[in-house]
Amino acid sequence: MAKKIAALGIAKKVYDEARKPHNQAKIRAAMQKVQERRRPR
């Protein structure tokens, strides 16, 4: 039970951070970088 509560707390923190505009820009940039690496040349 305590592990679930801790996991939910961590998930909420991650979610809250991901909602911030400057973090969204970082996430988009990272996703674009991964997609570019996966493309065959």
Protein backbone atom coordinates (compact mmCIF):
# COMPACT_ATOMS: atom_id res chain seq x y z
CA MET A 1 0.00 0.00 0.00
CA ALA A 2 2.80 2.41 0.89
CA LYS A 3 4.57 1.61 -2.38
CA LYS A 4 1.44 2.48 -4.35
CA ILE A 5 1.09 5.80 -2.54
CA ALA A 6 4.75 6.61 -3.15
CA ALA A 7 4.45 5.65 -6.83
CA LEU A 8 1.36 7.84 -7.22
CA GLY A 9 3.17 10.75 -5.59
CA ILE A 10 6.11 10.38 -7.95
CA ALA A 11 3.81 10.04 -10.97
CA LYS A 12 1.96 13.21 -9.98
CA LYS A 13 5.24 15.11 -9.63
CA VAL A 14 6.37 13.95 -13.10
CA TYR A 15 2.99 14.86 -14.58
CA ASP A 16 3.04 18.32 -12.99
CA GLU A 17 6.56 18.98 -14.27
CA ALA A 18 5.62 17.79 -17.78
CA ARG A 19 2.74 20.29 -17.92
CA LYS A 20 5.08 23.28 -17.57
CA PRO A 21 5.67 24.99 -20.96
CA HIS A 22 9.47 25.07 -20.77
CA ASN A 23 9.53 21.36 -19.93
CA GLN A 24 7.14 20.61 -22.80
CA ALA A 25 9.63 22.25 -25.17
CA LYS A 26 12.42 20.07 -23.78
CA ILE A 27 10.29 16.94 -24.18
CA ARG A 28 9.41 17.84 -27.80
CA ALA A 29 13.08 18.46 -28.62
CA ALA A 30 14.08 15.13 -27.10
CA MET A 31 11.35 13.29 -29.00
CA GLN A 32 12.42 14.92 -32.27
CA LYS A 33 16.01 13.91 -31.63
CA VAL A 34 14.99 10.28 -31.04
CA GLN A 35 12.87 10.25 -34.20
CA GLU A 36 15.77 11.63 -36.25
CA ARG A 37 18.07 8.89 -34.93
CA ARG A 38 15.55 6.19 -35.81
CA ARG A 39 15.14 7.32 -39.44
CA PRO A 40 17.08 5.28 -41.96
CA ARG A 41 19.59 7.30 -43.92
